Structure formats: structure tokens, C-alpha cells
Amino acid sequence: FYLPFGSGPYPLYKTQIGKRAIMDLINQAKRYLYVTTPYLIVDYDLTEALCGAAGRGVDVRIITPGVADKRMIKLITKSAYPNLLTRGVKVYEYTPGFIHEKTLVCDGEYALISTINLDYRSLVHHFENAVWICGDPVLSEIRDDLLDTLGKSEEISPKKLSASPPRRLLRSLLRIFSPLL
């Protein structure tokens, strides 16, 4: 089945429908969870859910842009990498350039295709749309497309993240203010 839904700010939406759907998908993953997002400015809940999935043996892979549309957002996105990597999440950057796709696919059973970025503004303040897909043959095509995108992406390792102390400090400061971005 296909379940289209909207998400938006309070008081028009009483709950964070988009975030709840994403969290549900992450929390029910058993074998794999592949994610594409142009902005990876994840809060504590999403970080813990992604790392928790990896910790229970789920193959969690996240694809972000290799070339960002906003320099500061790229720095904040990269500041999320170390915590995710050390806890078993695999992070990739799409080397041909910017990727604006917002997709989550899980175990060949579910997918979420949406306008929802994995950032605070999109999850809390913006009006967004999504489609939850369950049990349709198109899921294998979505997974294959994500695997093809992974083939055009560079895996990020902790070694590639090494930065000077001032750059690490800048990333940490930007993380503090990330909910405002």
C-alpha cells in the first residue's frame, strides 16, 4: 500500500508526523536501512535511533551530498559524522555533486519518499509531504537505485574526518546552533 501524508508546524499539526514516521521506520529495521538526505542535521532522538539500529546489527547507510549547496550546512552535516561512524553507521558522500533526494528504504518491506530533510527546520517548522510505501514491488527498484547511488559515493572513514583543532571547535559550535538552521 501507499500512504501519503503531510507534516507541519504546531498548532496546525498536533504531532510531528514526519519525524514520527522516520523514527518508526528506523526503529523497525532488521536487516538494512538506506537513507539519502541533502541535510544531515540530526537531533539527539534521530541520532540515537540510527545508532541504535546499527548497534542491533542493522546495516545503516546514509548518503549526503559530496558538494553542498551551503557551506555552513556542510560543516554541520560533517559534524554529525564522527558520532554516527563510531557507533556503526556508515556515511557516504555522493561524489558527482549535490543530491537532493530524501529517501529511506528498509528491509525491502518499507520505504519513505518525501520532501522531509533530516534537519530541525524541516521536521518541526516546515510543511512537508511524504509517501510511506509498504509491500510493493517498487521497493526493490528504490533499493537498487540507492545501491547505484552508493556506487557513485565515497565512504567516509574516521581518518577522512581528521581536522585541525580550530575546525573541530567550529564544527562543535555549529552543532550547538544547528536547531536554528
C-alpha atoms as a PDB file:
ATOM      1  CA  PHE A   1       0.000   0.000   0.000  1.00  0.00           C
ATOM      2  CA  TYR A   2       0.905   3.659  -0.362  1.00  0.00           C
ATOM      3  CA  LEU A   3       0.108   6.087   2.428  1.00  0.00           C
ATOM      4  CA  PRO A   4       0.588   9.766   1.527  1.00  0.00           C
ATOM      5  CA  PHE A   5       0.709  12.193   4.434  1.00  0.00           C
ATOM      6  CA  GLY A   6       1.581  15.735   5.355  1.00  0.00           C
ATOM      7  CA  SER A   7       3.618  17.109   8.201  1.00  0.00           C
ATOM      8  CA  GLY A   8       3.850  20.608   9.514  1.00  0.00           C
ATOM      9  CA  PRO A   9       4.226  23.008  12.394  1.00  0.00           C
ATOM     10  CA  TYR A  10       2.236  23.177  15.589  1.00  0.00           C
ATOM     11  CA  PRO A  11      -0.616  24.142  16.130  1.00  0.00           C
ATOM     12  CA  LEU A  12      -1.823  23.034  12.693  1.00  0.00           C
ATOM     13  CA  TYR A  13      -0.298  19.596  13.300  1.00  0.00           C
ATOM     14  CA  LYS A  14      -0.554  18.385  16.879  1.00  0.00           C
ATOM     15  CA  THR A  15       2.281  15.854  16.484  1.00  0.00           C
ATOM     16  CA  GLN A  16       5.493  15.735  14.470  1.00  0.00           C
ATOM     17  CA  ILE A  17       4.115  13.291  11.937  1.00  0.00           C
ATOM     18  CA  GLY A  18       7.173  13.340   9.654  1.00  0.00           C
ATOM     19  CA  LYS A  19       9.632  12.723  12.458  1.00  0.00           C
ATOM     20  CA  ARG A  20       7.427  10.024  13.951  1.00  0.00           C
ATOM     21  CA  ALA A  21       7.248   8.199  10.586  1.00  0.00           C
ATOM     22  CA  ILE A  22      11.034   8.398  10.158  1.00  0.00           C
ATOM     23  CA  MET A  23      11.633   7.177  13.713  1.00  0.00           C
ATOM     24  CA  ASP A  24       9.186   4.293  13.212  1.00  0.00           C
ATOM     25  CA  LEU A  25      10.974   3.223  10.040  1.00  0.00           C
ATOM     26  CA  ILE A  26      14.402   3.365  11.703  1.00  0.00           C
ATOM     27  CA  ASN A  27      13.219   1.521  14.801  1.00  0.00           C
ATOM     28  CA  GLN A  28      11.635  -1.365  12.893  1.00  0.00           C
ATOM     29  CA  ALA A  29      14.625  -2.013  10.600  1.00  0.00           C
ATOM     30  CA  LYS A  30      16.011  -5.525  10.992  1.00  0.00           C
ATOM     31  CA  ARG A  31      18.469  -6.085   8.107  1.00  0.00           C
ATOM     32  CA  TYR A  32      19.191  -2.787   6.369  1.00  0.00           C
ATOM     33  CA  LEU A  33      18.242   0.859   6.294  1.00  0.00           C
ATOM     34  CA  TYR A  34      19.480   3.072   3.469  1.00  0.00           C
ATOM     35  CA  VAL A  35      18.956   6.824   3.690  1.00  0.00           C
ATOM     36  CA  THR A  36      19.585   9.747   1.354  1.00  0.00           C
ATOM     37  CA  THR A  37      19.308  13.301   2.607  1.00  0.00           C
ATOM     38  CA  PRO A  38      20.733  16.623   1.439  1.00  0.00           C
ATOM     39  CA  TYR A  39      20.964  17.908   5.025  1.00  0.00           C
ATOM     40  CA  LEU A  40      22.004  15.695   7.928  1.00  0.00           C
ATOM     41  CA  ILE A  41      21.405  17.901  10.944  1.00  0.00           C
ATOM     42  CA  VAL A  42      20.009  15.200  13.192  1.00  0.00           C
ATOM     43  CA  ASP A  43      18.851  15.790  16.733  1.00  0.00           C
ATOM     44  CA  TYR A  44      19.504  13.520  19.704  1.00  0.00           C
ATOM     45  CA  ASP A  45      16.445  11.297  19.067  1.00  0.00           C
ATOM     46  CA  LEU A  46      17.294  10.616  15.431  1.00  0.00           C
ATOM     47  CA  THR A  47      20.978  10.104  16.206  1.00  0.00           C
ATOM     48  CA  GLU A  48      20.146   7.583  18.918  1.00  0.00           C
ATOM     49  CA  ALA A  49      17.651   5.774  16.678  1.00  0.00           C
ATOM     50  CA  LEU A  50      20.158   5.490  13.804  1.00  0.00           C
ATOM     51  CA  CYS A  51      22.963   4.377  16.122  1.00  0.00           C
ATOM     52  CA  GLY A  52      20.623   2.014  17.945  1.00  0.00           C
ATOM     53  CA  ALA A  53      19.685   0.356  14.657  1.00  0.00           C
ATOM     54  CA  ALA A  54      23.368  -0.060  13.765  1.00  0.00           C
ATOM     55  CA  GLY A  55      24.017  -1.388  17.270  1.00  0.00           C
ATOM     56  CA  ARG A  56      21.424  -4.134  16.854  1.00  0.00           C
ATOM     57  CA  GLY A  57      23.080  -5.287  13.609  1.00  0.00           C
ATOM     58  CA  VAL A  58      21.163  -3.298  11.006  1.00  0.00           C
ATOM     59  CA  ASP A  59      23.257  -2.203   8.001  1.00  0.00           C
ATOM     60  CA  VAL A  60      22.631   1.562   8.263  1.00  0.00           C
ATOM     61  CA  ARG A  61      23.969   3.650   5.388  1.00  0.00           C
ATOM     62  CA  ILE A  62      23.410   7.364   4.910  1.00  0.00           C
ATOM     63  CA  ILE A  63      24.203   9.238   1.693  1.00  0.00           C
ATOM     64  CA  THR A  64      24.760  13.003   1.840  1.00  0.00           C
ATOM     65  CA  PRO A  65      25.936  15.405  -0.884  1.00  0.00           C
ATOM     66  CA  GLY A  66      29.601  15.456  -1.827  1.00  0.00           C
ATOM     67  CA  VAL A  67      29.134  19.063  -2.893  1.00  0.00           C
ATOM     68  CA  ALA A  68      26.906  21.146  -0.647  1.00  0.00           C
ATOM     69  CA  ASP A  69      24.663  23.998  -1.652  1.00  0.00           C
ATOM     70  CA  LYS A  70      25.511  25.827   1.594  1.00  0.00           C
ATOM     71  CA  ARG A  71      28.983  25.772   3.151  1.00  0.00           C
ATOM     72  CA  MET A  72      27.829  26.143   6.773  1.00  0.00           C
ATOM     73  CA  ILE A  73      25.291  23.330   6.364  1.00  0.00           C
ATOM     74  CA  LYS A  74      28.057  21.085   5.015  1.00  0.00           C
ATOM     75  CA  LEU A  75      30.141  21.793   8.123  1.00  0.00           C
ATOM     76  CA  ILE A  76      27.209  20.955  10.394  1.00  0.00           C
ATOM     77  CA  THR A  77      26.445  17.806   8.402  1.00  0.00           C
ATOM     78  CA  LYS A  78      30.073  16.693   8.749  1.00  0.00           C
ATOM     79  CA  SER A  79      29.957  17.416  12.476  1.00  0.00           C
ATOM     80  CA  ALA A  80      27.369  14.626  12.829  1.00  0.00           C
ATOM     81  CA  TYR A  81      29.630  12.055  11.142  1.00  0.00           C
ATOM     82  CA  PRO A  82      32.023  11.149  13.999  1.00  0.00           C
ATOM     83  CA  ASN A  83      29.286  10.108  16.435  1.00  0.00           C
ATOM     84  CA  LEU A  84      27.484   8.095  13.759  1.00  0.00           C
ATOM     85  CA  LEU A  85      30.654   6.425  12.453  1.00  0.00           C
ATOM     86  CA  THR A  86      31.979   5.389  15.854  1.00  0.00           C
ATOM     87  CA  ARG A  87      28.631   3.736  16.583  1.00  0.00           C
ATOM     88  CA  GLY A  88      28.413   1.669  13.398  1.00  0.00           C
ATOM     89  CA  VAL A  89      26.507   3.864  10.947  1.00  0.00           C
ATOM     90  CA  LYS A  90      28.128   4.054   7.504  1.00  0.00           C
ATOM     91  CA  VAL A  91      28.194   7.501   5.925  1.00  0.00           C
ATOM     92  CA  TYR A  92      28.787   8.234   2.246  1.00  0.00           C
ATOM     93  CA  GLU A  93      29.118  11.397   0.201  1.00  0.00           C
ATOM     94  CA  TYR A  94      27.713  11.440  -3.320  1.00  0.00           C
ATOM     95  CA  THR A  95      30.785  12.339  -5.379  1.00  0.00           C
ATOM     96  CA  PRO A  96      29.150  13.664  -8.570  1.00  0.00           C
ATOM     97  CA  GLY A  97      27.854  16.638  -6.564  1.00  0.00           C
ATOM     98  CA  PHE A  98      24.715  17.705  -4.762  1.00  0.00           C
ATOM     99  CA  ILE A  99      21.993  15.149  -4.053  1.00  0.00           C
ATOM    100  CA  HIS A 100      18.576  16.427  -3.044  1.00  0.00           C
ATOM    101  CA  GLU A 101      16.839  13.072  -2.652  1.00  0.00           C
ATOM    102  CA  LYS A 102      15.046  12.309   0.628  1.00  0.00           C
ATOM    103  CA  THR A 103      14.529   8.573   0.783  1.00  0.00           C
ATOM    104  CA  LEU A 104      14.586   5.872   3.438  1.00  0.00           C
ATOM    105  CA  VAL A 105      14.283   2.211   2.442  1.00  0.00           C
ATOM    106  CA  CYS A 106      14.128  -0.603   4.971  1.00  0.00           C
ATOM    107  CA  ASP A 107      14.483  -4.381   4.579  1.00  0.00           C
ATOM    108  CA  GLY A 108      12.778  -4.481   1.174  1.00  0.00           C
ATOM    109  CA  GLU A 109       9.480  -4.052   3.003  1.00  0.00           C
ATOM    110  CA  TYR A 110       9.087  -0.300   3.544  1.00  0.00           C
ATOM    111  CA  ALA A 111      10.194   2.994   2.088  1.00  0.00           C
ATOM    112  CA  LEU A 112       9.551   6.638   2.761  1.00  0.00           C
ATOM    113  CA  ILE A 113       9.872   9.072  -0.131  1.00  0.00           C
ATOM    114  CA  SER A 114       9.400  12.666   0.935  1.00  0.00           C
ATOM    115  CA  THR A 115      10.255  16.332   0.932  1.00  0.00           C
ATOM    116  CA  ILE A 116      11.408  15.950   4.560  1.00  0.00           C
ATOM    117  CA  ASN A 117      15.046  16.803   5.205  1.00  0.00           C
ATOM    118  CA  LEU A 118      16.734  15.301   8.240  1.00  0.00           C
ATOM    119  CA  ASP A 119      17.035  18.662   9.944  1.00  0.00           C
ATOM    120  CA  TYR A 120      15.172  20.502  12.666  1.00  0.00           C
ATOM    121  CA  ARG A 121      13.564  23.092  10.401  1.00  0.00           C
ATOM    122  CA  SER A 122      12.106  20.504   8.068  1.00  0.00           C
ATOM    123  CA  LEU A 123      10.926  18.220  10.855  1.00  0.00           C
ATOM    124  CA  VAL A 124       9.415  20.929  13.073  1.00  0.00           C
ATOM    125  CA  HIS A 125       8.754  24.170  11.191  1.00  0.00           C
ATOM    126  CA  HIS A 126       8.102  23.397   7.517  1.00  0.00           C
ATOM    127  CA  PHE A 127       5.106  21.995   5.720  1.00  0.00           C
ATOM    128  CA  GLU A 128       6.269  18.723   4.140  1.00  0.00           C
ATOM    129  CA  ASN A 129       4.800  15.811   2.190  1.00  0.00           C
ATOM    130  CA  ALA A 130       5.694  12.137   2.136  1.00  0.00           C
ATOM    131  CA  VAL A 131       4.579   8.749   0.932  1.00  0.00           C
ATOM    132  CA  TRP A 132       5.023   5.623   3.075  1.00  0.00           C
ATOM    133  CA  ILE A 133       5.302   2.567   0.810  1.00  0.00           C
ATOM    134  CA  CYS A 134       4.703  -0.936   2.114  1.00  0.00           C
ATOM    135  CA  GLY A 135       4.890  -4.288   0.350  1.00  0.00           C
ATOM    136  CA  ASP A 136       5.028  -3.041  -3.247  1.00  0.00           C
ATOM    137  CA  PRO A 137       7.393  -4.424  -5.908  1.00  0.00           C
ATOM    138  CA  VAL A 138       8.673  -0.864  -6.481  1.00  0.00           C
ATOM    139  CA  LEU A 139      10.625  -1.246  -3.216  1.00  0.00           C
ATOM    140  CA  SER A 140      13.276  -3.334  -4.973  1.00  0.00           C
ATOM    141  CA  GLU A 141      13.687  -0.577  -7.571  1.00  0.00           C
ATOM    142  CA  ILE A 142      14.084   2.026  -4.822  1.00  0.00           C
ATOM    143  CA  ARG A 143      16.697  -0.155  -3.088  1.00  0.00           C
ATOM    144  CA  ASP A 144      18.539  -0.744  -6.389  1.00  0.00           C
ATOM    145  CA  ASP A 145      18.559   2.995  -7.095  1.00  0.00           C
ATOM    146  CA  LEU A 146      20.053   3.647  -3.653  1.00  0.00           C
ATOM    147  CA  LEU A 147      22.680   0.940  -4.203  1.00  0.00           C
ATOM    148  CA  ASP A 148      23.518   2.534  -7.562  1.00  0.00           C
ATOM    149  CA  THR A 149      23.877   5.889  -5.797  1.00  0.00           C
ATOM    150  CA  LEU A 150      26.144   4.249  -3.188  1.00  0.00           C
ATOM    151  CA  GLY A 151      28.329   3.088  -6.083  1.00  0.00           C
ATOM    152  CA  LYS A 152      28.810   6.740  -7.021  1.00  0.00           C
ATOM    153  CA  SER A 153      29.556   7.772  -3.462  1.00  0.00           C
ATOM    154  CA  GLU A 154      32.660   7.806  -1.301  1.00  0.00           C
ATOM    155  CA  GLU A 155      32.521   6.103   2.073  1.00  0.00           C
ATOM    156  CA  ILE A 156      33.598   8.399   4.873  1.00  0.00           C
ATOM    157  CA  SER A 157      36.020   6.969   7.391  1.00  0.00           C
ATOM    158  CA  PRO A 158      37.084   8.476  10.710  1.00  0.00           C
ATOM    159  CA  LYS A 159      40.516   9.046   9.164  1.00  0.00           C
ATOM    160  CA  LYS A 160      38.978  11.239   6.443  1.00  0.00           C
ATOM    161  CA  LEU A 161      37.360  13.382   9.129  1.00  0.00           C
ATOM    162  CA  SER A 162      40.574  14.438  10.793  1.00  0.00           C
ATOM    163  CA  ALA A 163      40.566  18.190  11.206  1.00  0.00           C
ATOM    164  CA  SER A 164      42.584  20.848  12.889  1.00  0.00           C
ATOM    165  CA  PRO A 165      41.570  21.856  16.434  1.00  0.00           C
ATOM    166  CA  PRO A 166      40.055  25.170  15.218  1.00  0.00           C
ATOM    167  CA  ARG A 167      37.968  23.326  12.623  1.00  0.00           C
ATOM    168  CA  ARG A 168      36.771  20.789  15.232  1.00  0.00           C
ATOM    169  CA  LEU A 169      35.844  23.681  17.527  1.00  0.00           C
ATOM    170  CA  LEU A 170      33.924  25.367  14.700  1.00  0.00           C
ATOM    171  CA  ARG A 171      32.020  22.130  13.977  1.00  0.00           C
ATOM    172  CA  SER A 172      31.159  21.756  17.665  1.00  0.00           C
ATOM    173  CA  LEU A 173      29.906  25.330  17.912  1.00  0.00           C
ATOM    174  CA  LEU A 174      27.827  24.923  14.782  1.00  0.00           C
ATOM    175  CA  ARG A 175      26.239  21.757  16.248  1.00  0.00           C
ATOM    176  CA  ILE A 176      25.074  23.789  19.228  1.00  0.00           C
ATOM    177  CA  PHE A 177      23.246  26.223  16.949  1.00  0.00           C
ATOM    178  CA  SER A 178      22.073  23.633  14.406  1.00  0.00           C
ATOM    179  CA  PRO A 179      18.403  23.717  15.555  1.00  0.00           C
ATOM    180  CA  LEU A 180      18.290  27.327  14.394  1.00  0.00           C
ATOM    181  CA  LEU A 181      19.418  26.423  10.873  1.00  0.00           C
END
